[in-house]
Amino acid sequence: MKILNDNNINYILKTSYNHTEEKPRLHLFLPLLKPIKSTKNYKYNFDVIHKKYFSKYACDTNVNNPTRWIYTSHSDSLRYAYSFDKRDTVA
């Protein structure tokens, strides 16, 4: 969350189904200024955001597949964080 807050980015962050404190797995949702309407556009946006903000972190290869479902988390491990009070810098 520090990267997101330090860069003034609105977000929703949610733990994944396989999340544990020892091995965190998270879903990050970024509200964008324009809708993503193609796989090519999705991958381009993912690459830009990953390289700019998260290049030090590994991403699950499924992140590159825009058709993947978002599965629910275990009720005892579900955590949410969000921030919608930022002036977006992600275009």
C-alpha atoms as a PDB file:
ATOM      1  CA  MET A   1       0.000   0.000   0.000  1.00  0.00           C
ATOM      2  CA  LYS A   2       2.938   2.303   0.578  1.00  0.00           C
ATOM      3  CA  ILE A   3       3.776   2.402  -3.153  1.00  0.00           C
ATOM      4  CA  LEU A   4       0.168   3.239  -3.996  1.00  0.00           C
ATOM      5  CA  ASN A   5      -0.186   5.897  -1.318  1.00  0.00           C
ATOM      6  CA  ASP A   6       3.218   7.453  -2.020  1.00  0.00           C
ATOM      7  CA  ASN A   7       2.268   7.774  -5.702  1.00  0.00           C
ATOM      8  CA  ASN A   8      -1.176   9.199  -4.958  1.00  0.00           C
ATOM      9  CA  ILE A   9      -3.033   6.296  -6.635  1.00  0.00           C
ATOM     10  CA  ASN A  10      -6.631   5.258  -5.923  1.00  0.00           C
ATOM     11  CA  TYR A  11      -6.971   1.514  -5.413  1.00  0.00           C
ATOM     12  CA  ILE A  12      -8.763  -1.479  -3.980  1.00  0.00           C
ATOM     13  CA  LEU A  13      -6.508  -4.182  -2.573  1.00  0.00           C
ATOM     14  CA  LYS A  14      -7.951  -7.599  -1.691  1.00  0.00           C
ATOM     15  CA  THR A  15      -6.399 -10.791  -0.425  1.00  0.00           C
ATOM     16  CA  SER A  16      -6.567 -13.755  -2.786  1.00  0.00           C
ATOM     17  CA  TYR A  17      -7.939 -17.200  -2.044  1.00  0.00           C
ATOM     18  CA  ASN A  18      -4.409 -18.534  -1.351  1.00  0.00           C
ATOM     19  CA  HIS A  19      -3.261 -15.570   0.731  1.00  0.00           C
ATOM     20  CA  THR A  20      -1.398 -16.194   3.976  1.00  0.00           C
ATOM     21  CA  GLU A  21       0.588 -13.824   6.148  1.00  0.00           C
ATOM     22  CA  GLU A  22       3.726 -15.835   5.311  1.00  0.00           C
ATOM     23  CA  LYS A  23       3.055 -15.759   1.554  1.00  0.00           C
ATOM     24  CA  PRO A  24       0.914 -12.744   0.743  1.00  0.00           C
ATOM     25  CA  ARG A  25      -1.192 -12.977  -2.436  1.00  0.00           C
ATOM     26  CA  LEU A  26      -3.202  -9.949  -3.351  1.00  0.00           C
ATOM     27  CA  HIS A  27      -5.545  -8.622  -6.018  1.00  0.00           C
ATOM     28  CA  LEU A  28      -5.051  -4.993  -6.920  1.00  0.00           C
ATOM     29  CA  PHE A  29      -7.790  -3.027  -8.657  1.00  0.00           C
ATOM     30  CA  LEU A  30      -6.913   0.340 -10.137  1.00  0.00           C
ATOM     31  CA  PRO A  31      -9.649   2.633 -11.399  1.00  0.00           C
ATOM     32  CA  LEU A  32      -8.455   3.923 -14.747  1.00  0.00           C
ATOM     33  CA  LEU A  33      -9.496   6.992 -16.676  1.00  0.00           C
ATOM     34  CA  LYS A  34     -10.471   4.980 -19.750  1.00  0.00           C
ATOM     35  CA  PRO A  35     -12.018   1.517 -20.131  1.00  0.00           C
ATOM     36  CA  ILE A  36      -9.799  -1.318 -21.316  1.00  0.00           C
ATOM     37  CA  LYS A  37     -11.497  -2.881 -24.322  1.00  0.00           C
ATOM     38  CA  SER A  38      -8.986  -5.386 -25.671  1.00  0.00           C
ATOM     39  CA  THR A  39      -6.488  -7.960 -24.480  1.00  0.00           C
ATOM     40  CA  LYS A  40      -3.707  -6.013 -26.177  1.00  0.00           C
ATOM     41  CA  ASN A  41      -4.693  -2.832 -24.326  1.00  0.00           C
ATOM     42  CA  TYR A  42      -4.970  -4.740 -21.027  1.00  0.00           C
ATOM     43  CA  LYS A  43      -1.476  -6.204 -21.392  1.00  0.00           C
ATOM     44  CA  TYR A  44      -0.034  -2.829 -22.373  1.00  0.00           C
ATOM     45  CA  ASN A  45      -1.547  -1.144 -19.302  1.00  0.00           C
ATOM     46  CA  PHE A  46      -0.431  -3.971 -17.040  1.00  0.00           C
ATOM     47  CA  ASP A  47       3.147  -3.717 -18.344  1.00  0.00           C
ATOM     48  CA  VAL A  48       3.268   0.060 -17.900  1.00  0.00           C
ATOM     49  CA  ILE A  49       1.923  -0.060 -14.341  1.00  0.00           C
ATOM     50  CA  HIS A  50       4.058  -3.045 -13.336  1.00  0.00           C
ATOM     51  CA  LYS A  51       7.281  -1.526 -14.682  1.00  0.00           C
ATOM     52  CA  LYS A  52       6.606   1.917 -13.218  1.00  0.00           C
ATOM     53  CA  TYR A  53       5.457   0.940  -9.730  1.00  0.00           C
ATOM     54  CA  PHE A  54       5.982  -2.759  -9.009  1.00  0.00           C
ATOM     55  CA  SER A  55       9.067  -3.884 -10.940  1.00  0.00           C
ATOM     56  CA  LYS A  56      10.669  -5.210  -7.741  1.00  0.00           C
ATOM     57  CA  TYR A  57       7.811  -7.649  -7.210  1.00  0.00           C
ATOM     58  CA  ALA A  58       6.909 -10.874  -8.969  1.00  0.00           C
ATOM     59  CA  CYS A  59       3.406 -11.237 -10.366  1.00  0.00           C
ATOM     60  CA  ASP A  60       1.468 -14.425 -10.881  1.00  0.00           C
ATOM     61  CA  THR A  61       1.554 -15.272 -14.593  1.00  0.00           C
ATOM     62  CA  ASN A  62      -2.261 -15.361 -14.553  1.00  0.00           C
ATOM     63  CA  VAL A  63      -2.202 -11.584 -14.120  1.00  0.00           C
ATOM     64  CA  ASN A  64      -1.496 -11.364 -17.831  1.00  0.00           C
ATOM     65  CA  ASN A  65      -4.793 -13.086 -18.610  1.00  0.00           C
ATOM     66  CA  PRO A  66      -7.640 -10.544 -18.466  1.00  0.00           C
ATOM     67  CA  THR A  67     -10.286 -13.274 -18.556  1.00  0.00           C
ATOM     68  CA  ARG A  68      -9.307 -14.862 -15.241  1.00  0.00           C
ATOM     69  CA  TRP A  69     -11.995 -14.983 -12.574  1.00  0.00           C
ATOM     70  CA  ILE A  70     -11.412 -13.407  -9.213  1.00  0.00           C
ATOM     71  CA  TYR A  71     -12.103 -16.094  -6.655  1.00  0.00           C
ATOM     72  CA  THR A  72     -13.309 -15.374  -3.170  1.00  0.00           C
ATOM     73  CA  SER A  73     -10.984 -15.551  -0.196  1.00  0.00           C
ATOM     74  CA  HIS A  74     -11.308 -17.731   2.878  1.00  0.00           C
ATOM     75  CA  SER A  75     -13.533 -15.838   5.276  1.00  0.00           C
ATOM     76  CA  ASP A  76     -10.934 -15.994   8.048  1.00  0.00           C
ATOM     77  CA  SER A  77      -8.186 -14.528   5.847  1.00  0.00           C
ATOM     78  CA  LEU A  78     -10.127 -11.975   3.807  1.00  0.00           C
ATOM     79  CA  ARG A  79      -8.697  -8.472   4.040  1.00  0.00           C
ATOM     80  CA  TYR A  80      -9.572  -5.343   2.105  1.00  0.00           C
ATOM     81  CA  ALA A  81      -7.886  -1.990   1.841  1.00  0.00           C
ATOM     82  CA  TYR A  82      -8.919   0.882  -0.347  1.00  0.00           C
ATOM     83  CA  SER A  83      -8.283   4.518  -1.076  1.00  0.00           C
ATOM     84  CA  PHE A  84     -10.438   6.719  -3.257  1.00  0.00           C
ATOM     85  CA  ASP A  85      -9.359  10.108  -1.963  1.00  0.00           C
ATOM     86  CA  LYS A  86      -6.332  10.465  -4.240  1.00  0.00           C
ATOM     87  CA  ARG A  87      -5.929  12.530  -7.353  1.00  0.00           C
ATOM     88  CA  ASP A  88      -5.142   9.796  -9.851  1.00  0.00           C
ATOM     89  CA  THR A  89      -1.742   9.738 -11.473  1.00  0.00           C
ATOM     90  CA  VAL A  90      -2.468   6.509 -13.358  1.00  0.00           C
ATOM     91  CA  ALA A  91      -3.866   7.270 -16.784  1.00  0.00           C
END
